[in-house]
Amino acid sequence: MKPIAALQAAVTAVPFDREPSAAELDAIDREMPVIRAEVELLDVQIMTLDRPLSELDERRLRRARRRVLAARVAVINQTAGASVPGGAA
């Protein structure tokens, strides 16, 4: 009976041990308004999980959803403007 063993030392993935690059940090900074808006929406959704929605809760949800959409539009417009130099398409 032959033992089953790995023939190579690195069979599993190498652990991630590096810091994020400047480009990755910039991408996170650009997405931060969307992240914040989504966290606010999640907070409102969690708040309303265990009870029926009141009129105030419905307004909170609508506002939070609008903030998420507005933040996404703003990020898309920023990235579209940044990727096309001079504003030409």
PDB file of N, CA and C in Angstrom:
ATOM      1  N   MET A   1       0.837  -1.170   0.000  1.00  0.00           N
ATOM      2  CA  MET A   1       0.000   0.000   0.000  1.00  0.00           C
ATOM      3  C   MET A   1       0.886   1.240   0.000  1.00  0.00           C
ATOM      4  N   LYS A   2       0.617   2.130  -0.946  1.00  0.00           N
ATOM      5  CA  LYS A   2       1.409   3.345  -1.070  1.00  0.00           C
ATOM      6  C   LYS A   2       0.759   4.479  -0.281  1.00  0.00           C
ATOM      7  N   PRO A   3       1.540   5.250   0.449  1.00  0.00           N
ATOM      8  CA  PRO A   3       0.952   6.417   1.123  1.00  0.00           C
ATOM      9  C   PRO A   3       0.664   7.524   0.097  1.00  0.00           C
ATOM     10  N   ILE A   4      -0.424   8.216   0.300  1.00  0.00           N
ATOM     11  CA  ILE A   4      -0.786   9.321  -0.570  1.00  0.00           C
ATOM     12  C   ILE A   4      -0.239  10.588   0.060  1.00  0.00           C
ATOM     13  N   ALA A   5       0.627  11.259  -0.655  1.00  0.00           N
ATOM     14  CA  ALA A   5       1.217  12.494  -0.139  1.00  0.00           C
ATOM     15  C   ALA A   5       1.395  13.461  -1.295  1.00  0.00           C
ATOM     16  N   ALA A   6       1.471  14.714  -0.960  1.00  0.00           N
ATOM     17  CA  ALA A   6       1.668  15.736  -1.978  1.00  0.00           C
ATOM     18  C   ALA A   6       3.099  15.677  -2.485  1.00  0.00           C
ATOM     19  N   LEU A   7       3.233  15.788  -3.791  1.00  0.00           N
ATOM     20  CA  LEU A   7       4.564  15.766  -4.381  1.00  0.00           C
ATOM     21  C   LEU A   7       5.215  17.146  -4.354  1.00  0.00           C
ATOM     22  N   GLN A   8       4.406  18.172  -4.209  1.00  0.00           N
ATOM     23  CA  GLN A   8       4.928  19.531  -4.171  1.00  0.00           C
ATOM     24  C   GLN A   8       4.693  20.112  -2.784  1.00  0.00           C
ATOM     25  N   ALA A   9       5.536  21.045  -2.415  1.00  0.00           N
ATOM     26  CA  ALA A   9       5.409  21.645  -1.089  1.00  0.00           C
ATOM     27  C   ALA A   9       4.212  22.580  -1.013  1.00  0.00           C
ATOM     28  N   ALA A  10       3.956  23.315  -2.081  1.00  0.00           N
ATOM     29  CA  ALA A  10       2.884  24.314  -2.051  1.00  0.00           C
ATOM     30  C   ALA A  10       1.642  23.782  -2.753  1.00  0.00           C
ATOM     31  N   VAL A  11       0.883  22.958  -2.067  1.00  0.00           N
ATOM     32  CA  VAL A  11      -0.344  22.420  -2.631  1.00  0.00           C
ATOM     33  C   VAL A  11      -1.499  23.376  -2.342  1.00  0.00           C
ATOM     34  N   THR A  12      -1.520  23.928  -1.161  1.00  0.00           N
ATOM     35  CA  THR A  12      -2.578  24.862  -0.802  1.00  0.00           C
ATOM     36  C   THR A  12      -2.191  26.273  -1.227  1.00  0.00           C
ATOM     37  N   ALA A  13      -3.168  27.134  -1.227  1.00  0.00           N
ATOM     38  CA  ALA A  13      -2.931  28.517  -1.640  1.00  0.00           C
ATOM     39  C   ALA A  13      -2.006  29.214  -0.653  1.00  0.00           C
ATOM     40  N   VAL A  14      -1.208  30.092  -1.178  1.00  0.00           N
ATOM     41  CA  VAL A  14      -0.307  30.875  -0.344  1.00  0.00           C
ATOM     42  C   VAL A  14      -1.145  31.894   0.420  1.00  0.00           C
ATOM     43  N   PRO A  15      -0.913  32.006   1.717  1.00  0.00           N
ATOM     44  CA  PRO A  15      -1.711  32.991   2.466  1.00  0.00           C
ATOM     45  C   PRO A  15      -1.466  34.415   1.984  1.00  0.00           C
ATOM     46  N   PHE A  16      -2.520  35.197   2.014  1.00  0.00           N
ATOM     47  CA  PHE A  16      -2.456  36.578   1.560  1.00  0.00           C
ATOM     48  C   PHE A  16      -1.732  37.387   2.622  1.00  0.00           C
ATOM     49  N   ASP A  17      -0.541  37.876   2.299  1.00  0.00           N
ATOM     50  CA  ASP A  17       0.249  38.563   3.313  1.00  0.00           C
ATOM     51  C   ASP A  17       0.748  39.928   2.860  1.00  0.00           C
ATOM     52  N   ARG A  18       0.075  40.525   1.889  1.00  0.00           N
ATOM     53  CA  ARG A  18       0.535  41.837   1.442  1.00  0.00           C
ATOM     54  C   ARG A  18      -0.527  42.880   1.713  1.00  0.00           C
ATOM     55  N   GLU A  19      -0.114  44.109   1.774  1.00  0.00           N
ATOM     56  CA  GLU A  19      -1.018  45.227   2.000  1.00  0.00           C
ATOM     57  C   GLU A  19      -1.693  45.610   0.681  1.00  0.00           C
ATOM     58  N   PRO A  20      -2.871  46.280   0.758  1.00  0.00           N
ATOM     59  CA  PRO A  20      -3.507  46.724  -0.484  1.00  0.00           C
ATOM     60  C   PRO A  20      -2.654  47.784  -1.178  1.00  0.00           C
ATOM     61  N   SER A  21      -2.701  47.766  -2.484  1.00  0.00           N
ATOM     62  CA  SER A  21      -1.920  48.734  -3.258  1.00  0.00           C
ATOM     63  C   SER A  21      -2.617  50.096  -3.213  1.00  0.00           C
ATOM     64  N   ALA A  22      -1.925  51.091  -3.692  1.00  0.00           N
ATOM     65  CA  ALA A  22      -2.490  52.439  -3.730  1.00  0.00           C
ATOM     66  C   ALA A  22      -3.724  52.479  -4.636  1.00  0.00           C
ATOM     67  N   ALA A  23      -3.691  51.752  -5.739  1.00  0.00           N
ATOM     68  CA  ALA A  23      -4.834  51.711  -6.649  1.00  0.00           C
ATOM     69  C   ALA A  23      -6.042  51.057  -5.980  1.00  0.00           C
ATOM     70  N   GLU A  24      -5.800  49.996  -5.206  1.00  0.00           N
ATOM     71  CA  GLU A  24      -6.907  49.343  -4.504  1.00  0.00           C
ATOM     72  C   GLU A  24      -7.496  50.260  -3.431  1.00  0.00           C
ATOM     73  N   LEU A  25      -6.641  50.983  -2.719  1.00  0.00           N
ATOM     74  CA  LEU A  25      -7.124  51.926  -1.711  1.00  0.00           C
ATOM     75  C   LEU A  25      -7.909  53.068  -2.359  1.00  0.00           C
ATOM     76  N   ASP A  26      -7.453  53.534  -3.517  1.00  0.00           N
ATOM     77  CA  ASP A  26      -8.186  54.574  -4.237  1.00  0.00           C
ATOM     78  C   ASP A  26      -9.563  54.069  -4.679  1.00  0.00           C
ATOM     79  N   ALA A  27      -9.625  52.824  -5.129  1.00  0.00           N
ATOM     80  CA  ALA A  27     -10.909  52.253  -5.547  1.00  0.00           C
ATOM     81  C   ALA A  27     -11.864  52.156  -4.359  1.00  0.00           C
ATOM     82  N   ILE A  28     -11.344  51.785  -3.203  1.00  0.00           N
ATOM     83  CA  ILE A  28     -12.172  51.717  -2.000  1.00  0.00           C
ATOM     84  C   ILE A  28     -12.675  53.108  -1.632  1.00  0.00           C
ATOM     85  N   ASP A  29     -11.797  54.100  -1.718  1.00  0.00           N
ATOM     86  CA  ASP A  29     -12.204  55.480  -1.417  1.00  0.00           C
ATOM     87  C   ASP A  29     -13.292  55.971  -2.362  1.00  0.00           C
ATOM     88  N   ARG A  30     -13.187  55.603  -3.640  1.00  0.00           N
ATOM     89  CA  ARG A  30     -14.214  56.008  -4.605  1.00  0.00           C
ATOM     90  C   ARG A  30     -15.552  55.349  -4.310  1.00  0.00           C
ATOM     91  N   GLU A  31     -15.516  54.111  -3.826  1.00  0.00           N
ATOM     92  CA  GLU A  31     -16.737  53.364  -3.545  1.00  0.00           C
ATOM     93  C   GLU A  31     -17.314  53.649  -2.157  1.00  0.00           C
ATOM     94  N   MET A  32     -16.601  54.395  -1.320  1.00  0.00           N
ATOM     95  CA  MET A  32     -17.031  54.600   0.060  1.00  0.00           C
ATOM     96  C   MET A  32     -18.427  55.221   0.196  1.00  0.00           C
ATOM     97  N   PRO A  33     -18.832  56.200  -0.620  1.00  0.00           N
ATOM     98  CA  PRO A  33     -20.205  56.707  -0.484  1.00  0.00           C
ATOM     99  C   PRO A  33     -21.266  55.627  -0.720  1.00  0.00           C
ATOM    100  N   VAL A  34     -21.009  54.732  -1.646  1.00  0.00           N
ATOM    101  CA  VAL A  34     -21.953  53.642  -1.912  1.00  0.00           C
ATOM    102  C   VAL A  34     -21.980  52.682  -0.719  1.00  0.00           C
ATOM    103  N   ILE A  35     -20.824  52.391  -0.175  1.00  0.00           N
ATOM    104  CA  ILE A  35     -20.742  51.485   0.971  1.00  0.00           C
ATOM    105  C   ILE A  35     -21.504  52.068   2.152  1.00  0.00           C
ATOM    106  N   ARG A  36     -21.293  53.346   2.419  1.00  0.00           N
ATOM    107  CA  ARG A  36     -22.004  53.989   3.534  1.00  0.00           C
ATOM    108  C   ARG A  36     -23.516  53.975   3.317  1.00  0.00           C
ATOM    109  N   ALA A  37     -23.952  54.269   2.109  1.00  0.00           N
ATOM    110  CA  ALA A  37     -25.389  54.283   1.811  1.00  0.00           C
ATOM    111  C   ALA A  37     -25.980  52.886   1.955  1.00  0.00           C
ATOM    112  N   GLU A  38     -25.247  51.863   1.524  1.00  0.00           N
ATOM    113  CA  GLU A  38     -25.744  50.500   1.651  1.00  0.00           C
ATOM    114  C   GLU A  38     -25.809  50.065   3.106  1.00  0.00           C
ATOM    115  N   VAL A  39     -24.857  50.515   3.917  1.00  0.00           N
ATOM    116  CA  VAL A  39     -24.889  50.204   5.348  1.00  0.00           C
ATOM    117  C   VAL A  39     -26.106  50.876   6.002  1.00  0.00           C
ATOM    118  N   GLU A  40     -26.392  52.111   5.620  1.00  0.00           N
ATOM    119  CA  GLU A  40     -27.569  52.788   6.152  1.00  0.00           C
ATOM    120  C   GLU A  40     -28.854  52.053   5.754  1.00  0.00           C
ATOM    121  N   LEU A  41     -28.924  51.605   4.512  1.00  0.00           N
ATOM    122  CA  LEU A  41     -30.088  50.842   4.055  1.00  0.00           C
ATOM    123  C   LEU A  41     -30.210  49.551   4.852  1.00  0.00           C
ATOM    124  N   LEU A  42     -29.115  48.876   5.064  1.00  0.00           N
ATOM    125  CA  LEU A  42     -29.128  47.640   5.841  1.00  0.00           C
ATOM    126  C   LEU A  42     -29.584  47.898   7.277  1.00  0.00           C
ATOM    127  N   ASP A  43     -29.144  49.006   7.858  1.00  0.00           N
ATOM    128  CA  ASP A  43     -29.592  49.361   9.211  1.00  0.00           C
ATOM    129  C   ASP A  43     -31.102  49.536   9.267  1.00  0.00           C
ATOM    130  N   VAL A  44     -31.655  50.212   8.281  1.00  0.00           N
ATOM    131  CA  VAL A  44     -33.110  50.417   8.249  1.00  0.00           C
ATOM    132  C   VAL A  44     -33.820  49.084   8.065  1.00  0.00           C
ATOM    133  N   GLN A  45     -33.303  48.233   7.204  1.00  0.00           N
ATOM    134  CA  GLN A  45     -33.931  46.935   6.980  1.00  0.00           C
ATOM    135  C   GLN A  45     -33.884  46.075   8.241  1.00  0.00           C
ATOM    136  N   ILE A  46     -32.766  46.105   8.950  1.00  0.00           N
ATOM    137  CA  ILE A  46     -32.645  45.338  10.194  1.00  0.00           C
ATOM    138  C   ILE A  46     -33.611  45.879  11.234  1.00  0.00           C
ATOM    139  N   MET A  47     -33.739  47.196  11.286  1.00  0.00           N
ATOM    140  CA  MET A  47     -34.608  47.830  12.264  1.00  0.00           C
ATOM    141  C   MET A  47     -36.070  47.397  12.075  1.00  0.00           C
ATOM    142  N   THR A  48     -36.450  47.093  10.859  1.00  0.00           N
ATOM    143  CA  THR A  48     -37.851  46.775  10.572  1.00  0.00           C
ATOM    144  C   THR A  48     -38.122  45.276  10.432  1.00  0.00           C
ATOM    145  N   LEU A  49     -37.168  44.447  10.789  1.00  0.00           N
ATOM    146  CA  LEU A  49     -37.356  43.009  10.612  1.00  0.00           C
ATOM    147  C   LEU A  49     -38.445  42.410  11.499  1.00  0.00           C
ATOM    148  N   ASP A  50     -38.523  42.835  12.730  1.00  0.00           N
ATOM    149  CA  ASP A  50     -39.384  42.159  13.686  1.00  0.00           C
ATOM    150  C   ASP A  50     -40.699  42.876  13.961  1.00  0.00           C
ATOM    151  N   ARG A  51     -41.102  43.751  13.066  1.00  0.00           N
ATOM    152  CA  ARG A  51     -42.368  44.455  13.260  1.00  0.00           C
ATOM    153  C   ARG A  51     -42.958  44.827  11.902  1.00  0.00           C
ATOM    154  N   PRO A  52     -44.259  45.056  11.888  1.00  0.00           N
ATOM    155  CA  PRO A  52     -44.854  45.517  10.626  1.00  0.00           C
ATOM    156  C   PRO A  52     -44.374  46.934  10.296  1.00  0.00           C
ATOM    157  N   LEU A  53     -44.284  47.237   9.022  1.00  0.00           N
ATOM    158  CA  LEU A  53     -43.792  48.549   8.603  1.00  0.00           C
ATOM    159  C   LEU A  53     -44.833  49.634   8.884  1.00  0.00           C
ATOM    160  N   SER A  54     -44.361  50.668   9.519  1.00  0.00           N
ATOM    161  CA  SER A  54     -45.216  51.842   9.705  1.00  0.00           C
ATOM    162  C   SER A  54     -44.979  52.786   8.526  1.00  0.00           C
ATOM    163  N   GLU A  55     -45.739  53.849   8.473  1.00  0.00           N
ATOM    164  CA  GLU A  55     -45.548  54.830   7.404  1.00  0.00           C
ATOM    165  C   GLU A  55     -44.159  55.459   7.497  1.00  0.00           C
ATOM    166  N   LEU A  56     -43.700  55.705   8.715  1.00  0.00           N
ATOM    167  CA  LEU A  56     -42.363  56.269   8.918  1.00  0.00           C
ATOM    168  C   LEU A  56     -41.276  55.296   8.453  1.00  0.00           C
ATOM    169  N   ASP A  57     -41.468  54.004   8.744  1.00  0.00           N
ATOM    170  CA  ASP A  57     -40.509  52.993   8.295  1.00  0.00           C
ATOM    171  C   ASP A  57     -40.446  52.928   6.776  1.00  0.00           C
ATOM    172  N   GLU A  58     -41.596  53.024   6.135  1.00  0.00           N
ATOM    173  CA  GLU A  58     -41.620  52.995   4.668  1.00  0.00           C
ATOM    174  C   GLU A  58     -40.871  54.192   4.092  1.00  0.00           C
ATOM    175  N   ARG A  59     -41.045  55.355   4.719  1.00  0.00           N
ATOM    176  CA  ARG A  59     -40.302  56.539   4.260  1.00  0.00           C
ATOM    177  C   ARG A  59     -38.805  56.357   4.452  1.00  0.00           C
ATOM    178  N   ARG A  60     -38.424  55.803   5.598  1.00  0.00           N
ATOM    179  CA  ARG A  60     -36.994  55.560   5.852  1.00  0.00           C
ATOM    180  C   ARG A  60     -36.401  54.626   4.801  1.00  0.00           C
ATOM    181  N   LEU A  61     -37.139  53.568   4.484  1.00  0.00           N
ATOM    182  CA  LEU A  61     -36.660  52.626   3.467  1.00  0.00           C
ATOM    183  C   LEU A  61     -36.530  53.297   2.105  1.00  0.00           C
ATOM    184  N   ARG A  62     -37.544  54.070   1.719  1.00  0.00           N
ATOM    185  CA  ARG A  62     -37.482  54.766   0.425  1.00  0.00           C
ATOM    186  C   ARG A  62     -36.293  55.710   0.371  1.00  0.00           C
ATOM    187  N   ARG A  63     -36.095  56.487   1.437  1.00  0.00           N
ATOM    188  CA  ARG A  63     -34.966  57.426   1.463  1.00  0.00           C
ATOM    189  C   ARG A  63     -33.632  56.698   1.385  1.00  0.00           C
ATOM    190  N   ALA A  64     -33.523  55.606   2.135  1.00  0.00           N
ATOM    191  CA  ALA A  64     -32.261  54.848   2.132  1.00  0.00           C
ATOM    192  C   ALA A  64     -32.001  54.255   0.752  1.00  0.00           C
ATOM    193  N   ARG A  65     -33.042  53.746   0.102  1.00  0.00           N
ATOM    194  CA  ARG A  65     -32.872  53.198  -1.250  1.00  0.00           C
ATOM    195  C   ARG A  65     -32.467  54.289  -2.242  1.00  0.00           C
ATOM    196  N   ARG A  66     -33.093  55.464  -2.091  1.00  0.00           N
ATOM    197  CA  ARG A  66     -32.729  56.582  -2.980  1.00  0.00           C
ATOM    198  C   ARG A  66     -31.288  57.014  -2.768  1.00  0.00           C
ATOM    199  N   ARG A  67     -30.843  57.012  -1.503  1.00  0.00           N
ATOM    200  CA  ARG A  67     -29.448  57.373  -1.230  1.00  0.00           C
ATOM    201  C   ARG A  67     -28.477  56.382  -1.876  1.00  0.00           C
ATOM    202  N   VAL A  68     -28.824  55.100  -1.820  1.00  0.00           N
ATOM    203  CA  VAL A  68     -27.969  54.084  -2.451  1.00  0.00           C
ATOM    204  C   VAL A  68     -27.907  54.327  -3.953  1.00  0.00           C
ATOM    205  N   LEU A  69     -29.054  54.541  -4.574  1.00  0.00           N
ATOM    206  CA  LEU A  69     -29.077  54.778  -6.019  1.00  0.00           C
ATOM    207  C   LEU A  69     -28.314  56.049  -6.387  1.00  0.00           C
ATOM    208  N   ALA A  70     -28.514  57.114  -5.608  1.00  0.00           N
ATOM    209  CA  ALA A  70     -27.813  58.367  -5.887  1.00  0.00           C
ATOM    210  C   ALA A  70     -26.303  58.200  -5.725  1.00  0.00           C
ATOM    211  N   ALA A  71     -25.882  57.458  -4.713  1.00  0.00           N
ATOM    212  CA  ALA A  71     -24.446  57.232  -4.509  1.00  0.00           C
ATOM    213  C   ALA A  71     -23.866  56.406  -5.654  1.00  0.00           C
ATOM    214  N   ARG A  72     -24.607  55.400  -6.112  1.00  0.00           N
ATOM    215  CA  ARG A  72     -24.127  54.587  -7.232  1.00  0.00           C
ATOM    216  C   ARG A  72     -24.006  55.419  -8.506  1.00  0.00           C
ATOM    217  N   VAL A  73     -25.007  56.263  -8.759  1.00  0.00           N
ATOM    218  CA  VAL A  73     -24.962  57.126  -9.942  1.00  0.00           C
ATOM    219  C   VAL A  73     -23.766  58.070  -9.859  1.00  0.00           C
ATOM    220  N   ALA A  74     -23.534  58.647  -8.683  1.00  0.00           N
ATOM    221  CA  ALA A  74     -22.415  59.574  -8.513  1.00  0.00           C
ATOM    222  C   ALA A  74     -21.078  58.874  -8.761  1.00  0.00           C
ATOM    223  N   VAL A  75     -20.934  57.657  -8.249  1.00  0.00           N
ATOM    224  CA  VAL A  75     -19.682  56.916  -8.454  1.00  0.00           C
ATOM    225  C   VAL A  75     -19.512  56.554  -9.918  1.00  0.00           C
ATOM    226  N   ILE A  76     -20.591  56.130 -10.566  1.00  0.00           N
ATOM    227  CA  ILE A  76     -20.505  55.784 -11.991  1.00  0.00           C
ATOM    228  C   ILE A  76     -20.133  57.009 -12.814  1.00  0.00           C
ATOM    229  N   ASN A  77     -20.740  58.157 -12.503  1.00  0.00           N
ATOM    230  CA  ASN A  77     -20.411  59.377 -13.235  1.00  0.00           C
ATOM    231  C   ASN A  77     -18.967  59.807 -13.002  1.00  0.00           C
ATOM    232  N   GLN A  78     -18.469  59.639 -11.786  1.00  0.00           N
ATOM    233  CA  GLN A  78     -17.080  59.989 -11.502  1.00  0.00           C
ATOM    234  C   GLN A  78     -16.121  59.085 -12.260  1.00  0.00           C
ATOM    235  N   THR A  79     -16.392  57.783 -12.262  1.00  0.00           N
ATOM    236  CA  THR A  79     -15.489  56.868 -12.942  1.00  0.00           C
ATOM    237  C   THR A  79     -15.573  57.030 -14.446  1.00  0.00           C
ATOM    238  N   ALA A  80     -16.758  57.351 -14.968  1.00  0.00           N
ATOM    239  CA  ALA A  80     -16.890  57.554 -16.404  1.00  0.00           C
ATOM    240  C   ALA A  80     -16.147  58.811 -16.821  1.00  0.00           C
ATOM    241  N   GLY A  81     -16.234  59.847 -16.007  1.00  0.00           N
ATOM    242  CA  GLY A  81     -15.515  61.093 -16.306  1.00  0.00           C
ATOM    243  C   GLY A  81     -14.016  60.928 -16.164  1.00  0.00           C
ATOM    244  N   ALA A  82     -13.586  60.096 -15.237  1.00  0.00           N
ATOM    245  CA  ALA A  82     -12.153  59.902 -15.018  1.00  0.00           C
ATOM    246  C   ALA A  82     -11.529  59.027 -16.097  1.00  0.00           C
ATOM    247  N   SER A  83     -12.323  58.099 -16.659  1.00  0.00           N
ATOM    248  CA  SER A  83     -11.743  57.170 -17.628  1.00  0.00           C
ATOM    249  C   SER A  83     -11.657  57.768 -19.034  1.00  0.00           C
ATOM    250  N   VAL A  84     -12.414  58.827 -19.293  1.00  0.00           N
ATOM    251  CA  VAL A  84     -12.367  59.461 -20.607  1.00  0.00           C
ATOM    252  C   VAL A  84     -11.731  60.834 -20.454  1.00  0.00           C
ATOM    253  N   PRO A  85     -10.442  60.962 -20.772  1.00  0.00           N
ATOM    254  CA  PRO A  85      -9.797  62.254 -20.597  1.00  0.00           C
ATOM    255  C   PRO A  85     -10.371  63.298 -21.552  1.00  0.00           C
ATOM    256  N   GLY A  86     -10.583  64.486 -21.047  1.00  0.00           N
ATOM    257  CA  GLY A  86     -11.102  65.572 -21.867  1.00  0.00           C
ATOM    258  C   GLY A  86     -12.591  65.544 -22.047  1.00  0.00           C
ATOM    259  N   GLY A  87     -13.262  64.530 -21.473  1.00  0.00           N
ATOM    260  CA  GLY A  87     -14.710  64.444 -21.554  1.00  0.00           C
ATOM    261  C   GLY A  87     -15.210  63.963 -22.912  1.00  0.00           C
ATOM    262  N   ALA A  88     -14.329  63.561 -23.805  1.00  0.00           N
ATOM    263  CA  ALA A  88     -14.769  63.077 -25.117  1.00  0.00           C
ATOM    264  C   ALA A  88     -15.144  61.620 -25.021  1.00  0.00           C
ATOM    265  N   ALA A  89     -16.174  61.239 -25.730  1.00  0.00           N
ATOM    266  CA  ALA A  89     -16.602  59.852 -25.710  1.00  0.00           C
ATOM    267  C   ALA A  89     -16.313  59.194 -27.040  1.00  0.00           C
TER     268      ALA A  89
END
